[in-house]
C-alpha cells in the first residue's frame, strides 16, 4: 500500500497506514518500552526500504 502511495504521489494514505498501525499496537507500545523502540525502528525501516524500492522502480521507468 505504501509503495502504491509513492507511485501515485499521494502521501496522505501513508500517514493513515502508519496511524492505523500505531493504533493497533498502542497497548503494547505503552506497556513495553523495548517493544516501542522495536516498533518505531521497524516501521521507519520498512518505509525507507519501500521508498528506496520506489526510487529504483522510478529510475528504471525513466531511463528505459
PDB file of N, CA and C in Angstrom:
ATOM      1  N   UNK A   1       0.820  -1.186   0.000  1.00  0.00           N
ATOM      2  CA  UNK A   1       0.000   0.000   0.000  1.00  0.00           C
ATOM      3  C   UNK A   1       0.873   1.263   0.000  1.00  0.00           C
ATOM      4  N   UNK A   2       1.959   1.204   0.768  1.00  0.00           N
ATOM      5  CA  UNK A   2       2.839   2.368   0.825  1.00  0.00           C
ATOM      6  C   UNK A   2       3.511   2.587  -0.525  1.00  0.00           C
ATOM      7  N   UNK A   3       3.929   1.512  -1.166  1.00  0.00           N
ATOM      8  CA  UNK A   3       4.552   1.642  -2.485  1.00  0.00           C
ATOM      9  C   UNK A   3       3.568   2.240  -3.487  1.00  0.00           C
ATOM     10  N   UNK A   4       2.330   1.818  -3.447  1.00  0.00           N
ATOM     11  CA  UNK A   4       1.319   2.389  -4.339  1.00  0.00           C
ATOM     12  C   UNK A   4       1.084   3.863  -4.048  1.00  0.00           C
ATOM     13  N   UNK A   5       1.178   4.243  -2.790  1.00  0.00           N
ATOM     14  CA  UNK A   5       1.032   5.655  -2.440  1.00  0.00           C
ATOM     15  C   UNK A   5       2.185   6.481  -2.992  1.00  0.00           C
ATOM     16  N   UNK A   6       3.405   5.933  -2.924  1.00  0.00           N
ATOM     17  CA  UNK A   6       4.545   6.636  -3.505  1.00  0.00           C
ATOM     18  C   UNK A   6       4.389   6.756  -5.021  1.00  0.00           C
ATOM     19  N   UNK A   7       3.958   5.683  -5.656  1.00  0.00           N
ATOM     20  CA  UNK A   7       3.807   5.686  -7.113  1.00  0.00           C
ATOM     21  C   UNK A   7       2.761   6.703  -7.543  1.00  0.00           C
ATOM     22  N   UNK A   8       1.689   6.827  -6.778  1.00  0.00           N
ATOM     23  CA  UNK A   8       0.633   7.762  -7.143  1.00  0.00           C
ATOM     24  C   UNK A   8       0.908   9.188  -6.650  1.00  0.00           C
ATOM     25  N   UNK A   9       2.044   9.396  -6.000  1.00  0.00           N
ATOM     26  CA  UNK A   9       2.440  10.704  -5.451  1.00  0.00           C
ATOM     27  C   UNK A   9       1.406  11.250  -4.464  1.00  0.00           C
ATOM     28  N   UNK A  10       0.785  10.360  -3.760  1.00  0.00           N
ATOM     29  CA  UNK A  10      -0.204  10.738  -2.767  1.00  0.00           C
ATOM     30  C   UNK A  10       0.282  10.237  -1.406  1.00  0.00           C
ATOM     31  N   UNK A  11       0.750  11.145  -0.555  1.00  0.00           N
ATOM     32  CA  UNK A  11       1.366  10.750   0.700  1.00  0.00           C
ATOM     33  C   UNK A  11       0.394  10.662   1.868  1.00  0.00           C
ATOM     34  N   UNK A  12      -0.825  11.100   1.690  1.00  0.00           N
ATOM     35  CA  UNK A  12      -1.814  11.051   2.776  1.00  0.00           C
ATOM     36  C   UNK A  12      -2.124   9.608   3.196  1.00  0.00           C
ATOM     37  N   UNK A  13      -2.266   8.660   2.260  1.00  0.00           N
ATOM     38  CA  UNK A  13      -2.518   7.280   2.697  1.00  0.00           C
ATOM     39  C   UNK A  13      -1.388   6.699   3.545  1.00  0.00           C
ATOM     40  N   UNK A  14      -0.160   7.172   3.343  1.00  0.00           N
ATOM     41  CA  UNK A  14       0.949   6.680   4.154  1.00  0.00           C
ATOM     42  C   UNK A  14       0.746   7.086   5.608  1.00  0.00           C
ATOM     43  N   UNK A  15       0.348   8.318   5.832  1.00  0.00           N
ATOM     44  CA  UNK A  15       0.074   8.772   7.195  1.00  0.00           C
ATOM     45  C   UNK A  15      -1.070   7.971   7.810  1.00  0.00           C
ATOM     46  N   UNK A  16      -2.079   7.674   7.019  1.00  0.00           N
ATOM     47  CA  UNK A  16      -3.208   6.888   7.523  1.00  0.00           C
ATOM     48  C   UNK A  16      -2.766   5.466   7.872  1.00  0.00           C
ATOM     49  N   UNK A  17      -1.956   4.861   7.025  1.00  0.00           N
ATOM     50  CA  UNK A  17      -1.477   3.498   7.267  1.00  0.00           C
ATOM     51  C   UNK A  17      -0.651   3.450   8.549  1.00  0.00           C
ATOM     52  N   UNK A  18       0.258   4.416   8.708  1.00  0.00           N
ATOM     53  CA  UNK A  18       1.107   4.432   9.898  1.00  0.00           C
ATOM     54  C   UNK A  18       0.294   4.708  11.158  1.00  0.00           C
ATOM     55  N   UNK A  19      -0.721   5.552  11.052  1.00  0.00           N
ATOM     56  CA  UNK A  19      -1.586   5.834  12.205  1.00  0.00           C
ATOM     57  C   UNK A  19      -2.385   4.604  12.611  1.00  0.00           C
ATOM     58  N   UNK A  20      -2.932   3.909  11.650  1.00  0.00           N
ATOM     59  CA  UNK A  20      -3.700   2.693  11.939  1.00  0.00           C
ATOM     60  C   UNK A  20      -2.802   1.632  12.558  1.00  0.00           C
ATOM     61  N   UNK A  21      -1.589   1.513  12.025  1.00  0.00           N
ATOM     62  CA  UNK A  21      -0.637   0.540  12.563  1.00  0.00           C
ATOM     63  C   UNK A  21      -0.303   0.869  14.020  1.00  0.00           C
ATOM     64  N   UNK A  22      -0.056   2.137  14.318  1.00  0.00           N
ATOM     65  CA  UNK A  22       0.258   2.538  15.691  1.00  0.00           C
ATOM     66  C   UNK A  22      -0.950   2.351  16.606  1.00  0.00           C
ATOM     67  N   UNK A  23      -2.128   2.653  16.118  1.00  0.00           N
ATOM     68  CA  UNK A  23      -3.345   2.482  16.911  1.00  0.00           C
ATOM     69  C   UNK A  23      -3.564   1.011  17.255  1.00  0.00           C
ATOM     70  N   UNK A  24      -3.292   0.132  16.297  1.00  0.00           N
ATOM     71  CA  UNK A  24      -3.494  -1.297  16.525  1.00  0.00           C
ATOM     72  C   UNK A  24      -2.513  -1.840  17.565  1.00  0.00           C
ATOM     73  N   UNK A  25      -1.331  -1.262  17.651  1.00  0.00           N
ATOM     74  CA  UNK A  25      -0.308  -1.728  18.595  1.00  0.00           C
ATOM     75  C   UNK A  25      -0.180  -0.840  19.831  1.00  0.00           C
ATOM     76  N   UNK A  26      -1.106   0.065  20.033  1.00  0.00           N
ATOM     77  CA  UNK A  26      -0.990   1.062  21.102  1.00  0.00           C
ATOM     78  C   UNK A  26      -0.762   0.441  22.475  1.00  0.00           C
ATOM     79  N   UNK A  27      -1.508  -0.582  22.812  1.00  0.00           N
ATOM     80  CA  UNK A  27      -1.394  -1.188  24.133  1.00  0.00           C
ATOM     81  C   UNK A  27       0.012  -1.733  24.369  1.00  0.00           C
ATOM     82  N   UNK A  28       0.568  -2.416  23.386  1.00  0.00           N
ATOM     83  CA  UNK A  28       1.922  -2.945  23.523  1.00  0.00           C
ATOM     84  C   UNK A  28       2.967  -1.827  23.570  1.00  0.00           C
ATOM     85  N   UNK A  29       2.741  -0.780  22.797  1.00  0.00           N
ATOM     86  CA  UNK A  29       3.684   0.337  22.775  1.00  0.00           C
ATOM     87  C   UNK A  29       3.744   1.011  24.147  1.00  0.00           C
ATOM     88  N   UNK A  30       2.599   1.191  24.781  1.00  0.00           N
ATOM     89  CA  UNK A  30       2.534   1.857  26.079  1.00  0.00           C
ATOM     90  C   UNK A  30       3.130   0.975  27.181  1.00  0.00           C
ATOM     91  N   UNK A  31       2.868  -0.311  27.111  1.00  0.00           N
ATOM     92  CA  UNK A  31       3.282  -1.204  28.196  1.00  0.00           C
ATOM     93  C   UNK A  31       4.749  -1.595  28.153  1.00  0.00           C
ATOM     94  N   UNK A  32       5.324  -1.709  26.981  1.00  0.00           N
ATOM     95  CA  UNK A  32       6.680  -2.254  26.849  1.00  0.00           C
ATOM     96  C   UNK A  32       7.572  -1.264  26.100  1.00  0.00           C
ATOM     97  N   UNK A  33       8.542  -0.696  26.805  1.00  0.00           N
ATOM     98  CA  UNK A  33       9.424   0.307  26.197  1.00  0.00           C
ATOM     99  C   UNK A  33      10.288  -0.297  25.098  1.00  0.00           C
ATOM    100  N   UNK A  34      10.758  -1.520  25.300  1.00  0.00           N
ATOM    101  CA  UNK A  34      11.600  -2.134  24.267  1.00  0.00           C
ATOM    102  C   UNK A  34      10.791  -2.424  22.995  1.00  0.00           C
ATOM    103  N   UNK A  35       9.518  -2.802  23.172  1.00  0.00           N
ATOM    104  CA  UNK A  35       8.677  -3.022  22.003  1.00  0.00           C
ATOM    105  C   UNK A  35       8.422  -1.721  21.258  1.00  0.00           C
ATOM    106  N   UNK A  36       8.260  -0.629  21.988  1.00  0.00           N
ATOM    107  CA  UNK A  36       8.006   0.653  21.325  1.00  0.00           C
ATOM    108  C   UNK A  36       9.199   1.062  20.466  1.00  0.00           C
ATOM    109  N   UNK A  37      10.419   0.838  20.965  1.00  0.00           N
ATOM    110  CA  UNK A  37      11.608   1.125  20.162  1.00  0.00           C
ATOM    111  C   UNK A  37      11.660   0.218  18.938  1.00  0.00           C
ATOM    112  N   UNK A  38      11.378  -1.057  19.138  1.00  0.00           N
ATOM    113  CA  UNK A  38      11.348  -2.023  18.044  1.00  0.00           C
ATOM    114  C   UNK A  38      10.299  -1.618  17.006  1.00  0.00           C
ATOM    115  N   UNK A  39       9.147  -1.189  17.471  1.00  0.00           N
ATOM    116  CA  UNK A  39       8.059  -0.796  16.588  1.00  0.00           C
ATOM    117  C   UNK A  39       8.454   0.413  15.734  1.00  0.00           C
ATOM    118  N   UNK A  40       9.016   1.432  16.377  1.00  0.00           N
ATOM    119  CA  UNK A  40       9.401   2.650  15.657  1.00  0.00           C
ATOM    120  C   UNK A  40      10.511   2.351  14.645  1.00  0.00           C
ATOM    121  N   UNK A  41      11.524   1.628  15.067  1.00  0.00           N
ATOM    122  CA  UNK A  41      12.633   1.307  14.152  1.00  0.00           C
ATOM    123  C   UNK A  41      12.147   0.444  12.997  1.00  0.00           C
ATOM    124  N   UNK A  42      11.331  -0.543  13.287  1.00  0.00           N
ATOM    125  CA  UNK A  42      10.809  -1.414  12.236  1.00  0.00           C
ATOM    126  C   UNK A  42       9.916  -0.682  11.249  1.00  0.00           C
ATOM    127  N   UNK A  43       9.089   0.205  11.756  1.00  0.00           N
ATOM    128  CA  UNK A  43       8.204   0.980  10.890  1.00  0.00           C
ATOM    129  C   UNK A  43       9.003   1.915   9.995  1.00  0.00           C
ATOM    130  N   UNK A  44       9.965   2.612  10.584  1.00  0.00           N
ATOM    131  CA  UNK A  44      10.795   3.523   9.790  1.00  0.00           C
ATOM    132  C   UNK A  44      11.612   2.754   8.750  1.00  0.00           C
ATOM    133  N   UNK A  45      12.140   1.607   9.135  1.00  0.00           N
ATOM    134  CA  UNK A  45      12.927   0.808   8.205  1.00  0.00           C
ATOM    135  C   UNK A  45      12.076   0.321   7.038  1.00  0.00           C
ATOM    136  N   UNK A  46      10.860  -0.111   7.316  1.00  0.00           N
ATOM    137  CA  UNK A  46      10.006  -0.590   6.229  1.00  0.00           C
ATOM    138  C   UNK A  46       9.619   0.536   5.276  1.00  0.00           C
ATOM    139  N   UNK A  47       9.388   1.737   5.804  1.00  0.00           N
ATOM    140  CA  UNK A  47       9.053   2.877   4.944  1.00  0.00           C
ATOM    141  C   UNK A  47      10.271   3.278   4.103  1.00  0.00           C
ATOM    142  N   UNK A  48      11.454   3.287   4.711  1.00  0.00           N
ATOM    143  CA  UNK A  48      12.670   3.647   3.972  1.00  0.00           C
ATOM    144  C   UNK A  48      12.960   2.626   2.883  1.00  0.00           C
ATOM    145  N   UNK A  49      12.833   1.344   3.183  1.00  0.00           N
ATOM    146  CA  UNK A  49      13.058   0.309   2.175  1.00  0.00           C
ATOM    147  C   UNK A  49      12.054   0.443   1.039  1.00  0.00           C
ATOM    148  N   UNK A  50      10.812   0.707   1.369  1.00  0.00           N
ATOM    149  CA  UNK A  50       9.788   0.892   0.344  1.00  0.00           C
ATOM    150  C   UNK A  50      10.092   2.109  -0.513  1.00  0.00           C
ATOM    151  N   UNK A  51      10.560   3.188   0.100  1.00  0.00           N
ATOM    152  CA  UNK A  51      10.915   4.386  -0.659  1.00  0.00           C
ATOM    153  C   UNK A  51      12.102   4.120  -1.586  1.00  0.00           C
ATOM    154  N   UNK A  52      13.084   3.369  -1.120  1.00  0.00           N
ATOM    155  CA  UNK A  52      14.225   3.014  -1.964  1.00  0.00           C
ATOM    156  C   UNK A  52      13.767   2.156  -3.144  1.00  0.00           C
ATOM    157  N   UNK A  53      12.875   1.220  -2.899  1.00  0.00           N
ATOM    158  CA  UNK A  53      12.322   0.415  -3.996  1.00  0.00           C
ATOM    159  C   UNK A  53      11.572   1.286  -4.991  1.00  0.00           C
ATOM    160  N   UNK A  54      10.831   2.266  -4.477  1.00  0.00           N
ATOM    161  CA  UNK A  54      10.128   3.199  -5.357  1.00  0.00           C
ATOM    162  C   UNK A  54      11.128   3.978  -6.217  1.00  0.00           C
ATOM    163  N   UNK A  55      12.210   4.462  -5.615  1.00  0.00           N
ATOM    164  CA  UNK A  55      13.216   5.208  -6.374  1.00  0.00           C
ATOM    165  C   UNK A  55      13.857   4.334  -7.450  1.00  0.00           C
ATOM    166  N   UNK A  56      14.120   3.084  -7.122  1.00  0.00           N
ATOM    167  CA  UNK A  56      14.691   2.166  -8.114  1.00  0.00           C
ATOM    168  C   UNK A  56      13.705   1.911  -9.248  1.00  0.00           C
ATOM    169  N   UNK A  57      12.456   1.695  -8.913  1.00  0.00           N
ATOM    170  CA  UNK A  57      11.426   1.480  -9.929  1.00  0.00           C
ATOM    171  C   UNK A  57      11.273   2.711 -10.806  1.00  0.00           C
ATOM    172  N   UNK A  58      11.254   3.870 -10.191  1.00  0.00           N
ATOM    173  CA  UNK A  58      11.138   5.123 -10.930  1.00  0.00           C
ATOM    174  C   UNK A  58      12.333   5.320 -11.858  1.00  0.00           C
ATOM    175  N   UNK A  59      13.528   5.019 -11.393  1.00  0.00           N
ATOM    176  CA  UNK A  59      14.721   5.152 -12.217  1.00  0.00           C
ATOM    177  C   UNK A  59      14.669   4.192 -13.409  1.00  0.00           C
ATOM    178  N   UNK A  60      14.188   2.991 -13.193  1.00  0.00           N
ATOM    179  CA  UNK A  60      14.085   2.033 -14.288  1.00  0.00           C
ATOM    180  C   UNK A  60      13.091   2.498 -15.336  1.00  0.00           C
ATOM    181  N   UNK A  61      11.978   3.046 -14.888  1.00  0.00           N
ATOM    182  CA  UNK A  61      10.961   3.504 -15.829  1.00  0.00           C
ATOM    183  C   UNK A  61      11.386   4.754 -16.580  1.00  0.00           C
ATOM    184  N   UNK A  62      12.141   5.612 -15.940  1.00  0.00           N
ATOM    185  CA  UNK A  62      12.566   6.858 -16.586  1.00  0.00           C
ATOM    186  C   UNK A  62      13.670   6.601 -17.601  1.00  0.00           C
ATOM    187  N   UNK A  63      14.606   5.736 -17.252  1.00  0.00           N
ATOM    188  CA  UNK A  63      15.763   5.527 -18.136  1.00  0.00           C
ATOM    189  C   UNK A  63      15.495   4.528 -19.247  1.00  0.00           C
ATOM    190  N   UNK A  64      14.430   3.739 -19.144  1.00  0.00           N
ATOM    191  CA  UNK A  64      14.142   2.759 -20.206  1.00  0.00           C
ATOM    192  C   UNK A  64      12.861   3.068 -20.873  1.00  0.00           C
TER     193      UNK A  64
END
